[in-house]
Amino acid sequence: MSAQPVHQEDPEDPNEILRGLPKREREEFLRQYRAAAQAARDDITQYAALRRLLHRWSLVAIAANQPGYYEAIEDAKAGTGSYTPLDKALAAERARRAS
């Protein structure tokens, strides 16, 4: 038996992002992707911006599929729901890293 390479999809591939996004996010992703791809095509210095856009949207694809994602956004906009103030979150993270 010979070893076969394991094929993993690139999470920042536009097709993978589109497949992973909920339907309500797809139109906005495509709009932003097309604009960024056009800009990168016209000006090579814009390629880094295209890569950043793909990275951000790959994270959105992961987050948007988590239970309660949209509800948490609405809670944040309304100033309701549970949250940790930034200064406390930073202090907790510093303490965690120090230990």
N, C-alpha and C. Protein backbone atom coordinates (compact mmCIF):
# COMPACT_ATOMS: atom_id res chain seq x y z
N MET A 1 0.84 -1.17 0.00
CA MET A 1 0.00 0.00 0.00
C MET A 1 0.89 1.24 0.00
N SER A 2 0.66 2.15 -0.90
CA SER A 2 1.46 3.36 -0.96
C SER A 2 0.77 4.49 -0.21
N ALA A 3 1.57 5.40 0.26
CA ALA A 3 1.03 6.56 0.97
C ALA A 3 0.39 7.52 -0.02
N GLN A 4 -0.77 7.97 0.30
CA GLN A 4 -1.47 8.93 -0.54
C GLN A 4 -1.44 10.30 0.14
N PRO A 5 -1.19 11.33 -0.61
CA PRO A 5 -1.19 12.66 0.02
C PRO A 5 -2.58 13.01 0.54
N VAL A 6 -2.57 13.67 1.66
CA VAL A 6 -3.83 14.13 2.24
C VAL A 6 -4.15 15.47 1.61
N HIS A 7 -5.31 15.56 1.02
CA HIS A 7 -5.71 16.81 0.37
C HIS A 7 -6.59 17.60 1.32
N GLN A 8 -6.10 18.77 1.69
CA GLN A 8 -6.90 19.64 2.54
C GLN A 8 -7.22 20.90 1.75
N GLU A 9 -8.46 21.32 1.89
CA GLU A 9 -8.87 22.54 1.22
C GLU A 9 -8.25 23.75 1.93
N ASP A 10 -7.96 24.77 1.17
CA ASP A 10 -7.43 26.02 1.72
C ASP A 10 -8.61 26.82 2.25
N PRO A 11 -8.65 27.10 3.56
CA PRO A 11 -9.80 27.82 4.11
C PRO A 11 -9.92 29.25 3.57
N GLU A 12 -8.85 29.77 2.96
CA GLU A 12 -8.90 31.12 2.40
C GLU A 12 -9.14 31.12 0.90
N ASP A 13 -9.45 29.97 0.33
CA ASP A 13 -9.83 29.88 -1.08
C ASP A 13 -11.22 30.48 -1.21
N PRO A 14 -11.43 31.38 -2.15
CA PRO A 14 -12.75 32.02 -2.30
C PRO A 14 -13.89 31.02 -2.43
N ASN A 15 -13.66 29.91 -3.14
CA ASN A 15 -14.72 28.90 -3.28
C ASN A 15 -15.05 28.25 -1.94
N GLU A 16 -14.03 27.98 -1.14
CA GLU A 16 -14.26 27.40 0.18
C GLU A 16 -14.99 28.37 1.09
N ILE A 17 -14.61 29.62 1.02
CA ILE A 17 -15.29 30.64 1.83
C ILE A 17 -16.76 30.70 1.43
N LEU A 18 -17.01 30.79 0.15
CA LEU A 18 -18.39 30.89 -0.34
C LEU A 18 -19.21 29.67 0.08
N ARG A 19 -18.62 28.49 -0.02
CA ARG A 19 -19.30 27.27 0.40
C ARG A 19 -19.62 27.29 1.89
N GLY A 20 -18.72 27.86 2.69
CA GLY A 20 -18.89 27.84 4.14
C GLY A 20 -19.77 28.94 4.69
N LEU A 21 -20.03 29.96 3.90
CA LEU A 21 -20.83 31.08 4.40
C LEU A 21 -22.32 30.77 4.38
N PRO A 22 -23.04 31.24 5.40
CA PRO A 22 -24.50 31.17 5.33
C PRO A 22 -24.97 32.02 4.13
N LYS A 23 -26.11 31.66 3.59
CA LYS A 23 -26.63 32.36 2.40
C LYS A 23 -26.71 33.87 2.59
N ARG A 24 -27.07 34.30 3.79
CA ARG A 24 -27.25 35.74 4.00
C ARG A 24 -25.95 36.53 3.92
N GLU A 25 -24.80 35.87 3.94
CA GLU A 25 -23.50 36.54 3.87
C GLU A 25 -22.89 36.51 2.48
N ARG A 26 -23.37 35.65 1.64
CA ARG A 26 -22.70 35.39 0.35
C ARG A 26 -22.65 36.58 -0.59
N GLU A 27 -23.74 37.30 -0.71
CA GLU A 27 -23.77 38.44 -1.64
C GLU A 27 -22.74 39.50 -1.26
N GLU A 28 -22.65 39.80 0.03
CA GLU A 28 -21.67 40.80 0.49
C GLU A 28 -20.25 40.30 0.29
N PHE A 29 -20.01 39.02 0.56
CA PHE A 29 -18.67 38.47 0.31
C PHE A 29 -18.31 38.62 -1.16
N LEU A 30 -19.20 38.22 -2.04
CA LEU A 30 -18.91 38.30 -3.48
C LEU A 30 -18.67 39.74 -3.92
N ARG A 31 -19.45 40.67 -3.40
CA ARG A 31 -19.25 42.08 -3.75
C ARG A 31 -17.86 42.54 -3.35
N GLN A 32 -17.47 42.27 -2.10
CA GLN A 32 -16.16 42.70 -1.62
C GLN A 32 -15.03 41.96 -2.32
N TYR A 33 -15.22 40.67 -2.55
CA TYR A 33 -14.19 39.88 -3.22
C TYR A 33 -13.95 40.38 -4.64
N ARG A 34 -15.01 40.61 -5.38
CA ARG A 34 -14.86 41.07 -6.76
C ARG A 34 -14.15 42.42 -6.81
N ALA A 35 -14.50 43.32 -5.90
CA ALA A 35 -13.85 44.64 -5.87
C ALA A 35 -12.37 44.50 -5.53
N ALA A 36 -12.05 43.65 -4.55
CA ALA A 36 -10.65 43.48 -4.15
C ALA A 36 -9.85 42.77 -5.24
N ALA A 37 -10.45 41.79 -5.90
CA ALA A 37 -9.77 41.08 -6.98
C ALA A 37 -9.50 42.02 -8.16
N GLN A 38 -10.46 42.86 -8.47
CA GLN A 38 -10.28 43.85 -9.55
C GLN A 38 -9.16 44.82 -9.21
N ALA A 39 -9.16 45.29 -7.95
CA ALA A 39 -8.11 46.22 -7.53
C ALA A 39 -6.74 45.55 -7.61
N ALA A 40 -6.65 44.29 -7.19
CA ALA A 40 -5.37 43.58 -7.25
C ALA A 40 -4.94 43.32 -8.69
N ARG A 41 -5.90 43.08 -9.55
CA ARG A 41 -5.58 42.87 -10.96
C ARG A 41 -5.01 44.14 -11.58
N ASP A 42 -5.59 45.28 -11.18
CA ASP A 42 -5.17 46.55 -11.75
C ASP A 42 -3.90 47.11 -11.11
N ASP A 43 -3.64 46.71 -9.85
CA ASP A 43 -2.49 47.24 -9.12
C ASP A 43 -1.96 46.14 -8.20
N ILE A 44 -0.83 45.58 -8.55
CA ILE A 44 -0.28 44.45 -7.82
C ILE A 44 -0.08 44.75 -6.33
N THR A 45 0.10 46.01 -5.99
CA THR A 45 0.29 46.34 -4.57
C THR A 45 -0.98 46.10 -3.76
N GLN A 46 -2.11 45.89 -4.43
CA GLN A 46 -3.37 45.62 -3.75
C GLN A 46 -3.58 44.14 -3.45
N TYR A 47 -2.63 43.31 -3.86
CA TYR A 47 -2.75 41.88 -3.63
C TYR A 47 -2.80 41.55 -2.13
N ALA A 48 -2.01 42.25 -1.34
CA ALA A 48 -2.02 42.01 0.12
C ALA A 48 -3.39 42.31 0.71
N ALA A 49 -4.04 43.35 0.20
CA ALA A 49 -5.39 43.69 0.68
C ALA A 49 -6.38 42.57 0.32
N LEU A 50 -6.22 41.99 -0.85
CA LEU A 50 -7.08 40.87 -1.26
C LEU A 50 -6.88 39.68 -0.32
N ARG A 51 -5.64 39.38 0.00
CA ARG A 51 -5.36 38.27 0.92
C ARG A 51 -5.94 38.53 2.31
N ARG A 52 -5.84 39.78 2.79
CA ARG A 52 -6.43 40.11 4.10
C ARG A 52 -7.94 39.95 4.06
N LEU A 53 -8.56 40.36 2.97
CA LEU A 53 -10.00 40.22 2.83
C LEU A 53 -10.41 38.75 2.88
N LEU A 54 -9.68 37.90 2.17
CA LEU A 54 -9.98 36.47 2.17
C LEU A 54 -9.79 35.87 3.56
N HIS A 55 -8.77 36.32 4.26
CA HIS A 55 -8.55 35.83 5.62
C HIS A 55 -9.71 36.22 6.53
N ARG A 56 -10.11 37.49 6.47
CA ARG A 56 -11.23 37.96 7.31
C ARG A 56 -12.50 37.17 7.00
N TRP A 57 -12.79 36.98 5.73
CA TRP A 57 -14.01 36.26 5.38
C TRP A 57 -13.93 34.78 5.74
N SER A 58 -12.73 34.20 5.75
CA SER A 58 -12.61 32.81 6.19
C SER A 58 -12.97 32.71 7.66
N LEU A 59 -12.62 33.74 8.44
CA LEU A 59 -12.98 33.76 9.86
C LEU A 59 -14.48 33.98 10.02
N VAL A 60 -15.07 34.81 9.18
CA VAL A 60 -16.52 35.03 9.23
C VAL A 60 -17.25 33.72 8.93
N ALA A 61 -16.74 32.96 7.97
CA ALA A 61 -17.38 31.68 7.62
C ALA A 61 -17.40 30.74 8.82
N ILE A 62 -16.33 30.75 9.60
CA ILE A 62 -16.28 29.91 10.80
C ILE A 62 -17.23 30.46 11.85
N ALA A 63 -17.13 31.75 12.13
CA ALA A 63 -17.93 32.35 13.21
C ALA A 63 -19.42 32.32 12.91
N ALA A 64 -19.79 32.62 11.69
CA ALA A 64 -21.21 32.72 11.35
C ALA A 64 -21.93 31.38 11.45
N ASN A 65 -21.18 30.30 11.45
CA ASN A 65 -21.78 28.98 11.58
C ASN A 65 -21.88 28.50 13.03
N GLN A 66 -21.43 29.34 13.96
CA GLN A 66 -21.53 28.99 15.37
C GLN A 66 -22.92 29.34 15.88
N PRO A 67 -23.49 28.48 16.73
CA PRO A 67 -24.81 28.79 17.30
C PRO A 67 -24.77 30.12 18.05
N GLY A 68 -25.77 30.94 17.82
CA GLY A 68 -25.90 32.20 18.53
C GLY A 68 -25.09 33.36 17.96
N TYR A 69 -24.44 33.16 16.83
CA TYR A 69 -23.59 34.20 16.24
C TYR A 69 -24.38 35.49 15.95
N TYR A 70 -25.47 35.36 15.23
CA TYR A 70 -26.23 36.55 14.85
C TYR A 70 -26.91 37.18 16.06
N GLU A 71 -27.33 36.36 16.98
CA GLU A 71 -27.94 36.89 18.20
C GLU A 71 -26.92 37.69 19.01
N ALA A 72 -25.69 37.20 19.07
CA ALA A 72 -24.64 37.92 19.80
C ALA A 72 -24.35 39.26 19.15
N ILE A 73 -24.38 39.32 17.84
CA ILE A 73 -24.17 40.60 17.14
C ILE A 73 -25.29 41.57 17.49
N GLU A 74 -26.52 41.09 17.46
CA GLU A 74 -27.65 41.96 17.79
C GLU A 74 -27.57 42.43 19.24
N ASP A 75 -27.19 41.54 20.16
CA ASP A 75 -27.03 41.92 21.55
C ASP A 75 -25.96 43.00 21.70
N ALA A 76 -24.86 42.83 20.99
CA ALA A 76 -23.77 43.82 21.07
C ALA A 76 -24.23 45.17 20.54
N LYS A 77 -24.96 45.17 19.44
CA LYS A 77 -25.47 46.42 18.88
C LYS A 77 -26.43 47.11 19.84
N ALA A 78 -27.21 46.30 20.56
CA ALA A 78 -28.20 46.85 21.48
C ALA A 78 -27.60 47.15 22.86
N GLY A 79 -26.36 46.73 23.07
CA GLY A 79 -25.73 46.95 24.37
C GLY A 79 -26.29 46.03 25.44
N THR A 80 -26.80 44.89 25.02
CA THR A 80 -27.35 43.92 25.97
C THR A 80 -26.55 42.63 25.90
N GLY A 81 -26.94 41.65 26.69
CA GLY A 81 -26.26 40.37 26.67
C GLY A 81 -25.06 40.38 27.60
N SER A 82 -24.42 39.25 27.68
CA SER A 82 -23.26 39.16 28.56
C SER A 82 -22.00 39.58 27.80
N TYR A 83 -21.12 40.23 28.50
CA TYR A 83 -19.87 40.66 27.90
C TYR A 83 -18.85 40.85 29.00
N THR A 84 -17.60 40.92 28.60
CA THR A 84 -16.51 41.22 29.51
C THR A 84 -15.88 42.52 29.05
N PRO A 85 -15.77 43.50 29.93
CA PRO A 85 -15.12 44.76 29.53
C PRO A 85 -13.70 44.48 29.04
N LEU A 86 -13.25 45.26 28.08
CA LEU A 86 -11.96 45.04 27.45
C LEU A 86 -10.83 45.03 28.47
N ASP A 87 -10.83 45.96 29.41
CA ASP A 87 -9.73 46.00 30.36
C ASP A 87 -9.66 44.73 31.20
N LYS A 88 -10.80 44.17 31.56
CA LYS A 88 -10.81 42.91 32.32
C LYS A 88 -10.39 41.73 31.46
N ALA A 89 -10.81 41.73 30.21
CA ALA A 89 -10.42 40.64 29.30
C ALA A 89 -8.91 40.67 29.07
N LEU A 90 -8.35 41.86 28.89
CA LEU A 90 -6.91 41.98 28.69
C LEU A 90 -6.14 41.55 29.93
N ALA A 91 -6.62 41.97 31.11
CA ALA A 91 -5.96 41.58 32.35
C ALA A 91 -5.99 40.07 32.53
N ALA A 92 -7.11 39.45 32.23
CA ALA A 92 -7.22 38.00 32.35
C ALA A 92 -6.28 37.29 31.37
N GLU A 93 -6.18 37.81 30.16
CA GLU A 93 -5.29 37.21 29.17
C GLU A 93 -3.83 37.37 29.58
N ARG A 94 -3.48 38.53 30.10
CA ARG A 94 -2.09 38.74 30.58
C ARG A 94 -1.77 37.78 31.72
N ALA A 95 -2.70 37.61 32.62
CA ALA A 95 -2.49 36.69 33.76
C ALA A 95 -2.35 35.26 33.26
N ARG A 96 -3.16 34.89 32.28
CA ARG A 96 -3.08 33.53 31.73
C ARG A 96 -1.72 33.29 31.09
N ARG A 97 -1.24 34.28 30.35
CA ARG A 97 0.06 34.13 29.67
C ARG A 97 1.21 34.13 30.65
N ALA A 98 1.07 34.84 31.76
CA ALA A 98 2.13 34.91 32.75
C ALA A 98 2.27 33.62 33.55
N SER A 99 1.21 32.84 33.61
CA SER A 99 1.26 31.61 34.44
C SER A 99 1.81 30.42 33.70
